[in-house]
C-alpha atoms as a PDB file:
ATOM      1  CA  MET A   1       7.644 -22.971  15.517  1.00  0.00           C
ATOM      2  CA  ASP A   2      11.412 -22.732  15.235  1.00  0.00           C
ATOM      3  CA  TRP A   3      12.104 -19.025  14.803  1.00  0.00           C
ATOM      4  CA  SER A   4      15.831 -19.701  14.506  1.00  0.00           C
ATOM      5  CA  ASP A   5      15.123 -20.710  10.895  1.00  0.00           C
ATOM      6  CA  TYR A   6      14.290 -17.073  10.058  1.00  0.00           C
ATOM      7  CA  GLU A   7      16.066 -13.739  10.294  1.00  0.00           C
ATOM      8  CA  ALA A   8      13.166 -11.249  10.426  1.00  0.00           C
ATOM      9  CA  ALA A   9       9.424 -10.965  10.996  1.00  0.00           C
ATOM     10  CA  LEU A  10       7.216  -8.572   9.021  1.00  0.00           C
ATOM     11  CA  PHE A  11       3.870  -7.875  10.666  1.00  0.00           C
ATOM     12  CA  ASP A  12       0.729  -6.324   9.328  1.00  0.00           C
ATOM     13  CA  LEU A  13      -0.705  -4.145  12.092  1.00  0.00           C
ATOM     14  CA  ASP A  14      -4.503  -4.044  12.132  1.00  0.00           C
ATOM     15  CA  GLY A  15      -5.871  -7.452  13.062  1.00  0.00           C
ATOM     16  CA  VAL A  16      -2.415  -8.957  13.610  1.00  0.00           C
ATOM     17  CA  VAL A  17      -0.751  -6.905  16.354  1.00  0.00           C
ATOM     18  CA  THR A  18      -3.727  -4.791  17.462  1.00  0.00           C
ATOM     19  CA  PRO A  19      -7.509  -5.283  17.220  1.00  0.00           C
ATOM     20  CA  THR A  20      -7.841  -2.069  15.249  1.00  0.00           C
ATOM     21  CA  ALA A  21      -9.266  -3.997  12.293  1.00  0.00           C
ATOM     22  CA  GLU A  22     -12.624  -3.847  14.064  1.00  0.00           C
ATOM     23  CA  VAL A  23     -12.303  -0.096  14.514  1.00  0.00           C
ATOM     24  CA  HIS A  24     -11.456   0.256  10.824  1.00  0.00           C
ATOM     25  CA  MET A  25     -14.440  -1.939   9.910  1.00  0.00           C
ATOM     26  CA  HIS A  26     -16.828   0.230  11.909  1.00  0.00           C
ATOM     27  CA  ALA A  27     -15.347   3.454  10.538  1.00  0.00           C
ATOM     28  CA  TRP A  28     -15.657   2.214   6.949  1.00  0.00           C
ATOM     29  CA  ALA A  29     -19.233   1.046   7.580  1.00  0.00           C
ATOM     30  CA  LYS A  30     -20.303   4.403   9.010  1.00  0.00           C
ATOM     31  CA  MET A  31     -18.685   6.349   6.193  1.00  0.00           C
ATOM     32  CA  PHE A  32     -20.011   4.202   3.342  1.00  0.00           C
ATOM     33  CA  ASN A  33     -23.501   3.732   4.774  1.00  0.00           C
ATOM     34  CA  ASP A  34     -23.902   7.469   5.373  1.00  0.00           C
ATOM     35  CA  PHE A  35     -22.647   8.085   1.830  1.00  0.00           C
ATOM     36  CA  LEU A  36     -25.000   5.493   0.310  1.00  0.00           C
ATOM     37  CA  ALA A  37     -27.988   6.743   2.303  1.00  0.00           C
ATOM     38  CA  ALA A  38     -27.392  10.289   1.073  1.00  0.00           C
ATOM     39  CA  ARG A  39     -27.506   8.938  -2.492  1.00  0.00           C
ATOM     40  CA  GLY A  40     -30.727   7.045  -1.845  1.00  0.00           C
ATOM     41  CA  ASP A  41     -29.035   3.647  -2.177  1.00  0.00           C
ATOM     42  CA  SER A  42     -30.957   1.188   0.004  1.00  0.00           C
ATOM     43  CA  ALA A  43     -28.389  -1.641  -0.178  1.00  0.00           C
ATOM     44  CA  PRO A  44     -26.114  -1.181   2.841  1.00  0.00           C
ATOM     45  CA  TYR A  45     -22.378  -1.666   3.023  1.00  0.00           C
ATOM     46  CA  THR A  46     -21.651  -4.958   4.799  1.00  0.00           C
ATOM     47  CA  ALA A  47     -18.830  -6.826   6.521  1.00  0.00           C
ATOM     48  CA  GLU A  48     -18.563  -8.957   3.385  1.00  0.00           C
ATOM     49  CA  ASP A  49     -17.926  -5.767   1.403  1.00  0.00           C
ATOM     50  CA  TYR A  50     -15.126  -4.918   3.822  1.00  0.00           C
ATOM     51  CA  PHE A  51     -13.339  -8.225   3.361  1.00  0.00           C
ATOM     52  CA  THR A  52     -13.917  -8.279  -0.411  1.00  0.00           C
ATOM     53  CA  TYR A  53     -13.130  -4.708  -1.423  1.00  0.00           C
ATOM     54  CA  VAL A  54     -11.370  -2.855   1.396  1.00  0.00           C
ATOM     55  CA  ASP A  55      -9.454  -5.062   3.815  1.00  0.00           C
ATOM     56  CA  GLY A  56      -5.683  -4.656   3.640  1.00  0.00           C
ATOM     57  CA  LYS A  57      -5.656  -2.172   0.773  1.00  0.00           C
ATOM     58  CA  PRO A  58      -4.450   1.427   0.749  1.00  0.00           C
ATOM     59  CA  ARG A  59      -7.320   3.688   1.742  1.00  0.00           C
ATOM     60  CA  SER A  60      -7.962   5.225  -1.684  1.00  0.00           C
ATOM     61  CA  ASP A  61      -7.806   1.812  -3.364  1.00  0.00           C
ATOM     62  CA  GLY A  62     -10.405   0.501  -0.934  1.00  0.00           C
ATOM     63  CA  VAL A  63     -12.725   3.408  -1.726  1.00  0.00           C
ATOM     64  CA  ARG A  64     -12.318   2.892  -5.477  1.00  0.00           C
ATOM     65  CA  SER A  65     -12.835  -0.846  -5.228  1.00  0.00           C
ATOM     66  CA  PHE A  66     -16.068  -0.595  -3.254  1.00  0.00           C
ATOM     67  CA  LEU A  67     -17.483   2.231  -5.360  1.00  0.00           C
ATOM     68  CA  ALA A  68     -16.763   0.232  -8.517  1.00  0.00           C
ATOM     69  CA  SER A  69     -18.683  -2.714  -7.052  1.00  0.00           C
ATOM     70  CA  ARG A  70     -21.744  -0.442  -6.836  1.00  0.00           C
ATOM     71  CA  GLY A  71     -21.202   1.166 -10.237  1.00  0.00           C
ATOM     72  CA  ILE A  72     -20.449   4.541  -8.632  1.00  0.00           C
ATOM     73  CA  GLU A  73     -17.877   6.847 -10.202  1.00  0.00           C
ATOM     74  CA  LEU A  74     -16.309   9.745  -8.330  1.00  0.00           C
ATOM     75  CA  PRO A  75     -13.315  11.917  -9.182  1.00  0.00           C
ATOM     76  CA  ASP A  76     -10.140  11.001  -7.348  1.00  0.00           C
ATOM     77  CA  GLY A  77      -9.634  14.499  -6.049  1.00  0.00           C
ATOM     78  CA  SER A  78      -6.554  15.226  -3.957  1.00  0.00           C
ATOM     79  CA  PRO A  79      -5.130  13.630  -0.798  1.00  0.00           C
ATOM     80  CA  ASP A  80      -5.660  17.049   0.773  1.00  0.00           C
ATOM     81  CA  ASP A  81      -9.431  16.969   0.155  1.00  0.00           C
ATOM     82  CA  GLY A  82     -11.520  17.643   3.234  1.00  0.00           C
ATOM     83  CA  PRO A  83     -13.873  14.963   4.595  1.00  0.00           C
ATOM     84  CA  GLU A  84     -16.847  16.792   3.115  1.00  0.00           C
ATOM     85  CA  ALA A  85     -15.559  16.385  -0.455  1.00  0.00           C
ATOM     86  CA  GLU A  86     -17.425  13.924  -2.685  1.00  0.00           C
ATOM     87  CA  THR A  87     -14.198  12.473  -4.069  1.00  0.00           C
ATOM     88  CA  VAL A  88     -12.289   9.245  -3.568  1.00  0.00           C
ATOM     89  CA  HIS A  89      -9.798  10.981  -1.297  1.00  0.00           C
ATOM     90  CA  GLY A  90     -12.532  12.941   0.437  1.00  0.00           C
ATOM     91  CA  LEU A  91     -14.368   9.748   1.385  1.00  0.00           C
ATOM     92  CA  GLY A  92     -11.114   8.181   2.534  1.00  0.00           C
ATOM     93  CA  ASN A  93     -10.368  11.170   4.737  1.00  0.00           C
ATOM     94  CA  ARG A  94     -13.926  11.085   6.085  1.00  0.00           C
ATOM     95  CA  LYS A  95     -13.394   7.475   7.143  1.00  0.00           C
ATOM     96  CA  ASN A  96     -10.044   8.408   8.659  1.00  0.00           C
ATOM     97  CA  GLY A  97     -11.721  11.039  10.796  1.00  0.00           C
ATOM     98  CA  TYR A  98     -14.118   8.470  12.232  1.00  0.00           C
ATOM     99  CA  PHE A  99     -11.227   6.103  12.931  1.00  0.00           C
ATOM    100  CA  GLY A 100      -9.142   8.765  14.661  1.00  0.00           C
ATOM    101  CA  GLN A 101     -12.052   9.783  16.858  1.00  0.00           C
ATOM    102  CA  VAL A 102     -12.597   6.225  18.112  1.00  0.00           C
ATOM    103  CA  LEU A 103      -8.859   5.726  18.686  1.00  0.00           C
ATOM    104  CA  ALA A 104      -8.620   8.943  20.696  1.00  0.00           C
ATOM    105  CA  ASP A 105     -11.764   8.227  22.727  1.00  0.00           C
ATOM    106  CA  GLU A 106     -11.240   4.544  23.485  1.00  0.00           C
ATOM    107  CA  GLY A 107      -7.528   3.842  23.002  1.00  0.00           C
ATOM    108  CA  ILE A 108      -6.198   0.466  21.887  1.00  0.00           C
ATOM    109  CA  ALA A 109      -4.169  -2.403  23.318  1.00  0.00           C
ATOM    110  CA  PRO A 110      -2.266  -5.141  21.492  1.00  0.00           C
ATOM    111  CA  TYR A 111      -3.605  -8.680  21.377  1.00  0.00           C
ATOM    112  CA  PRO A 112      -2.105 -10.499  24.392  1.00  0.00           C
ATOM    113  CA  GLY A 113      -0.902 -13.373  22.208  1.00  0.00           C
ATOM    114  CA  SER A 114       0.718 -10.956  19.793  1.00  0.00           C
ATOM    115  CA  LEU A 115       2.514  -9.189  22.628  1.00  0.00           C
ATOM    116  CA  ARG A 116       3.889 -12.504  23.872  1.00  0.00           C
ATOM    117  CA  LEU A 117       5.279 -13.271  20.411  1.00  0.00           C
ATOM    118  CA  LEU A 118       6.806  -9.796  20.134  1.00  0.00           C
ATOM    119  CA  ASP A 119       8.522 -10.300  23.485  1.00  0.00           C
ATOM    120  CA  LEU A 120       9.890 -13.669  22.393  1.00  0.00           C
ATOM    121  CA  LEU A 121      11.245 -12.336  19.108  1.00  0.00           C
ATOM    122  CA  ARG A 122      12.806  -9.322  20.808  1.00  0.00           C
ATOM    123  CA  GLU A 123      14.513 -11.632  23.317  1.00  0.00           C
ATOM    124  CA  ARG A 124      15.830 -13.717  20.424  1.00  0.00           C
ATOM    125  CA  GLY A 125      17.141 -10.610  18.675  1.00  0.00           C
ATOM    126  CA  THR A 126      14.900 -11.124  15.648  1.00  0.00           C
ATOM    127  CA  PRO A 127      14.365  -7.769  13.883  1.00  0.00           C
ATOM    128  CA  MET A 128      10.737  -6.844  13.274  1.00  0.00           C
ATOM    129  CA  ALA A 129       8.894  -4.430  11.014  1.00  0.00           C
ATOM    130  CA  ILE A 130       5.335  -3.230  10.600  1.00  0.00           C
ATOM    131  CA  VAL A 131       3.982  -3.239   7.049  1.00  0.00           C
ATOM    132  CA  SER A 132       0.570  -1.576   6.984  1.00  0.00           C
ATOM    133  CA  SER A 133      -1.521   0.058   4.300  1.00  0.00           C
ATOM    134  CA  SER A 134      -2.826   2.475   6.927  1.00  0.00           C
ATOM    135  CA  ARG A 135      -1.261   5.900   7.298  1.00  0.00           C
ATOM    136  CA  ASN A 136      -2.459   5.732  10.910  1.00  0.00           C
ATOM    137  CA  ALA A 137       0.018   2.980  11.779  1.00  0.00           C
ATOM    138  CA  PRO A 138       2.453   5.173  13.786  1.00  0.00           C
ATOM    139  CA  ASP A 139      -0.409   6.595  15.861  1.00  0.00           C
ATOM    140  CA  VAL A 140      -1.827   3.120  16.519  1.00  0.00           C
ATOM    141  CA  LEU A 141       1.578   1.757  17.532  1.00  0.00           C
ATOM    142  CA  GLU A 142       2.083   4.681  19.903  1.00  0.00           C
ATOM    143  CA  ALA A 143      -1.403   4.320  21.406  1.00  0.00           C
ATOM    144  CA  ALA A 144      -0.863   0.585  21.914  1.00  0.00           C
ATOM    145  CA  GLY A 145       2.561   1.117  23.496  1.00  0.00           C
ATOM    146  CA  VAL A 146       4.417  -1.161  21.073  1.00  0.00           C
ATOM    147  CA  SER A 147       6.371   1.287  18.897  1.00  0.00           C
ATOM    148  CA  HIS A 148       9.668   0.215  20.451  1.00  0.00           C
ATOM    149  CA  TYR A 149       9.435  -3.289  18.983  1.00  0.00           C
ATOM    150  CA  PHE A 150       9.587  -2.038  15.412  1.00  0.00           C
ATOM    151  CA  PRO A 151      12.617  -0.128  14.097  1.00  0.00           C
ATOM    152  CA  VAL A 152      11.009  -0.134  10.657  1.00  0.00           C
ATOM    153  CA  VAL A 153       7.415   0.956  10.005  1.00  0.00           C
ATOM    154  CA  VAL A 154       6.236   0.964   6.400  1.00  0.00           C
ATOM    155  CA  HIS A 155       2.787   2.581   6.262  1.00  0.00           C
ATOM    156  CA  GLY A 156       0.667   4.094   3.531  1.00  0.00           C
ATOM    157  CA  GLY A 157       2.509   7.397   3.677  1.00  0.00           C
ATOM    158  CA  VAL A 158       5.888   5.718   3.264  1.00  0.00           C
ATOM    159  CA  ALA A 159       4.557   3.706   0.333  1.00  0.00           C
ATOM    160  CA  ALA A 160       3.385   6.891  -1.375  1.00  0.00           C
ATOM    161  CA  GLU A 161       6.692   8.671  -0.755  1.00  0.00           C
ATOM    162  CA  GLN A 162       8.726   5.731  -2.070  1.00  0.00           C
ATOM    163  CA  GLY A 163       6.443   5.025  -5.031  1.00  0.00           C
ATOM    164  CA  LEU A 164       5.606   1.532  -3.761  1.00  0.00           C
ATOM    165  CA  ASP A 165       2.516  -0.291  -4.965  1.00  0.00           C
ATOM    166  CA  GLY A 166       0.193  -1.319  -2.160  1.00  0.00           C
ATOM    167  CA  LYS A 167      -0.930  -4.806  -1.225  1.00  0.00           C
ATOM    168  CA  PRO A 168      -1.550  -7.263  -2.904  1.00  0.00           C
ATOM    169  CA  ALA A 169       1.696  -6.200  -4.615  1.00  0.00           C
ATOM    170  CA  PRO A 170       4.691  -7.328  -2.525  1.00  0.00           C
ATOM    171  CA  ASP A 171       6.512  -3.980  -2.742  1.00  0.00           C
ATOM    172  CA  THR A 172       5.942  -2.759   0.817  1.00  0.00           C
ATOM    173  CA  PHE A 173       7.000  -6.060   2.374  1.00  0.00           C
ATOM    174  CA  LEU A 174      10.096  -6.243   0.178  1.00  0.00           C
ATOM    175  CA  TYR A 175      10.980  -2.654   1.104  1.00  0.00           C
ATOM    176  CA  ALA A 176      10.631  -3.465   4.819  1.00  0.00           C
ATOM    177  CA  ALA A 177      12.888  -6.502   4.468  1.00  0.00           C
ATOM    178  CA  ARG A 178      15.535  -4.388   2.748  1.00  0.00           C
ATOM    179  CA  GLU A 179      15.302  -1.774   5.490  1.00  0.00           C
ATOM    180  CA  LEU A 180      15.933  -4.519   8.058  1.00  0.00           C
ATOM    181  CA  GLY A 181      18.870  -5.779   6.022  1.00  0.00           C
ATOM    182  CA  VAL A 182      17.452  -9.222   5.220  1.00  0.00           C
ATOM    183  CA  THR A 183      16.371 -10.994   2.057  1.00  0.00           C
ATOM    184  CA  ALA A 184      12.817 -12.157   1.450  1.00  0.00           C
ATOM    185  CA  ASP A 185      13.796 -15.813   1.595  1.00  0.00           C
ATOM    186  CA  ARG A 186      14.862 -15.343   5.228  1.00  0.00           C
ATOM    187  CA  ALA A 187      11.828 -13.365   6.432  1.00  0.00           C
ATOM    188  CA  VAL A 188       8.370 -14.306   7.713  1.00  0.00           C
ATOM    189  CA  VAL A 189       5.211 -12.385   6.784  1.00  0.00           C
ATOM    190  CA  LEU A 190       2.270 -12.333   9.227  1.00  0.00           C
ATOM    191  CA  GLU A 191      -1.036 -11.113   7.755  1.00  0.00           C
ATOM    192  CA  ASP A 192      -4.772 -11.301   8.436  1.00  0.00           C
ATOM    193  CA  ALA A 193      -5.993  -9.914   5.088  1.00  0.00           C
ATOM    194  CA  VAL A 194      -6.293 -11.783   1.807  1.00  0.00           C
ATOM    195  CA  SER A 195      -4.565  -8.935  -0.027  1.00  0.00           C
ATOM    196  CA  GLY A 196      -1.676  -9.005   2.443  1.00  0.00           C
ATOM    197  CA  VAL A 197      -1.265 -12.772   2.226  1.00  0.00           C
ATOM    198  CA  ARG A 198      -1.186 -12.467  -1.555  1.00  0.00           C
ATOM    199  CA  ALA A 199       1.515  -9.825  -1.199  1.00  0.00           C
ATOM    200  CA  GLY A 200       3.608 -12.123   0.965  1.00  0.00           C
ATOM    201  CA  ALA A 201       3.185 -15.015  -1.446  1.00  0.00           C
ATOM    202  CA  ALA A 202       4.069 -12.824  -4.428  1.00  0.00           C
ATOM    203  CA  GLY A 203       7.246 -11.678  -2.689  1.00  0.00           C
ATOM    204  CA  ALA A 204       8.567 -15.236  -2.315  1.00  0.00           C
ATOM    205  CA  PHE A 205       9.069 -14.863   1.430  1.00  0.00           C
ATOM    206  CA  ALA A 206      10.323 -17.783   3.483  1.00  0.00           C
ATOM    207  CA  LEU A 207       6.987 -18.246   5.241  1.00  0.00           C
ATOM    208  CA  VAL A 208       3.603 -16.537   4.977  1.00  0.00           C
ATOM    209  CA  ILE A 209       1.444 -16.899   8.079  1.00  0.00           C
ATOM    210  CA  GLY A 210      -2.248 -16.120   7.791  1.00  0.00           C
ATOM    211  CA  VAL A 211      -3.965 -14.895  10.955  1.00  0.00           C
ATOM    212  CA  ASP A 212      -7.657 -15.739  10.802  1.00  0.00           C
ATOM    213  CA  ARG A 213      -9.503 -12.992  12.653  1.00  0.00           C
ATOM    214  CA  GLY A 214     -12.667 -13.524  10.610  1.00  0.00           C
ATOM    215  CA  VAL A 215     -11.811 -13.616   6.918  1.00  0.00           C
ATOM    216  CA  GLY A 216     -11.653 -17.433   6.965  1.00  0.00           C
ATOM    217  CA  ALA A 217      -8.830 -19.966   6.992  1.00  0.00           C
ATOM    218  CA  ASP A 218      -9.699 -21.336   3.556  1.00  0.00           C
ATOM    219  CA  GLN A 219      -9.534 -17.879   1.995  1.00  0.00           C
ATOM    220  CA  LEU A 220      -6.143 -17.226   3.580  1.00  0.00           C
ATOM    221  CA  ARG A 221      -4.775 -20.561   2.408  1.00  0.00           C
ATOM    222  CA  ASP A 222      -6.170 -20.004  -1.084  1.00  0.00           C
ATOM    223  CA  ALA A 223      -4.408 -16.623  -1.147  1.00  0.00           C
ATOM    224  CA  GLY A 224      -1.075 -18.289  -0.423  1.00  0.00           C
ATOM    225  CA  ALA A 225      -0.712 -18.676   3.348  1.00  0.00           C
ATOM    226  CA  ASP A 226       1.676 -21.485   4.275  1.00  0.00           C
ATOM    227  CA  VAL A 227       0.299 -21.646   7.812  1.00  0.00           C
ATOM    228  CA  VAL A 228      -2.954 -20.329   9.331  1.00  0.00           C
ATOM    229  CA  VAL A 229      -3.425 -19.523  13.019  1.00  0.00           C
ATOM    230  CA  THR A 230      -6.177 -17.809  14.965  1.00  0.00           C
ATOM    231  CA  ASP A 231      -3.817 -16.127  17.430  1.00  0.00           C
ATOM    232  CA  LEU A 232      -0.112 -15.404  17.406  1.00  0.00           C
ATOM    233  CA  ASP A 233       0.456 -17.278  20.654  1.00  0.00           C
ATOM    234  CA  GLN A 234       0.027 -20.426  18.545  1.00  0.00           C
ATOM    235  CA  LEU A 235       3.428 -19.541  17.073  1.00  0.00           C
ATOM    236  CA  LEU A 236       5.130 -19.702  20.463  1.00  0.00           C
ATOM    237  CA  PRO A 237       7.137 -22.841  21.189  1.00  0.00           C
ATOM    238  CA  PRO A 238       6.188 -24.743  24.361  1.00  0.00           C
ATOM    239  CA  GLY A 239       7.506 -22.819  27.317  1.00  0.00           C
ATOM    240  CA  GLY A 240       8.059 -19.738  25.148  1.00  0.00           C
ATOM    241  CA  ALA A 241      11.449 -20.856  23.864  1.00  0.00           C
ATOM    242  CA  GLY A 242      12.954 -23.562  21.729  1.00  0.00           C
ATOM    243  CA  GLY A 243      11.885 -24.899  18.370  1.00  0.00           C
ATOM    244  CA  ALA A 244       8.671 -26.929  18.466  1.00  0.00           C
ATOM    245  CA  GLY A 245       5.815 -26.495  16.059  1.00  0.00           C
ATOM    246  CA  ALA A 246       2.985 -24.011  16.390  1.00  0.00           C
ATOM    247  CA  THR A 247       0.167 -25.413  18.503  1.00  0.00           C
ATOM    248  CA  GLY A 248      -3.161 -25.375  16.690  1.00  0.00           C
ATOM    249  CA  ALA A 249      -1.711 -23.941  13.497  1.00  0.00           C
ATOM    250  CA  THR A 250      -2.809 -25.300  10.142  1.00  0.00           C
ATOM    251  CA  ASP A 251      -0.629 -25.488   7.073  1.00  0.00           C
ATOM    252  CA  ALA A 252      -1.721 -24.783   3.521  1.00  0.00           C
ATOM    253  CA  THR A 253      -3.404 -28.180   3.265  1.00  0.00           C
ATOM    254  CA  GLY A 254      -5.228 -27.915   6.576  1.00  0.00           C
ATOM    255  CA  ALA A 255      -2.811 -30.142   8.508  1.00  0.00           C
ATOM    256  CA  THR A 256      -2.692 -29.264  12.215  1.00  0.00           C
ATOM    257  CA  ASP A 257      -0.490 -29.531  15.303  1.00  0.00           C
ATOM    258  CA  GLY A 258       2.683 -30.680  13.633  1.00  0.00           C
ATOM    259  CA  GLU A 259       1.093 -32.829  10.902  1.00  0.00           C
ATOM    260  CA  THR A 260       2.908 -32.628   7.608  1.00  0.00           C
ATOM    261  CA  ALA A 261       1.180 -31.423   4.490  1.00  0.00           C
ATOM    262  CA  GLU A 262       1.392 -34.978   3.168  1.00  0.00           C
ATOM    263  CA  SER A 263      -0.280 -36.527   6.209  1.00  0.00           C
ATOM    264  CA  GLY A 264      -2.989 -33.881   6.127  1.00  0.00           C
ATOM    265  CA  ALA A 265      -3.713 -34.716   2.500  1.00  0.00           C
ATOM    266  CA  GLU A 266      -4.064 -38.420   3.272  1.00  0.00           C
ATOM    267  CA  ARG A 267      -6.776 -37.997   5.884  1.00  0.00           C
END
């Protein structure tokens, strides 16, 4: 991939830079399954529920979306609600407590392929930002030792302060691009969640890269990804420098390893 064609890179965090998506998945599952069991609901919360209703969304939106899928109504409450509160914000804060405990106990490290891409972009002088729905993003970046790569971090707290709609709206990505001093048509979005890919597509960014960590390449392409990879090292040019295509990447038609969209469609 020729990164000289672009002026900035906007990264989602969980599942793109760090494997914290799995920690989030487990924290959501524990919170929702404990909540459902206490209500006598025998149908458990599943990984499919995570990808359909929660993944990539602001915490309170994820709670609302899943509860609505089960026909459960709770008051919103306040962001200051304690984890024991039976409110949307209370459940979100309960989940956040589980997540924080795992992060503190086990720590986190960036994906090796992601770290290699960050090093390449830093060497090239390409400005980078984190755009995450999670308010935990600064803590995760610090724990993973990668805060210094990102002069701009737009997380759920920033979105709330600035009145920005969360993903799948493009607002947070557009805000990050402005903070870096670039326009959307010169910036790349890297996302592993359907809602985040939709946000990148809606913002008319130069390139939207879907990172398939489990949601599925077809779903990412259907959401608007121009290219789908399974690891960010596929976006490194041969030898770590230069301008060749991404090895193993697929474009929006499924073409791979430098095939054009047209050639992929002919096969």
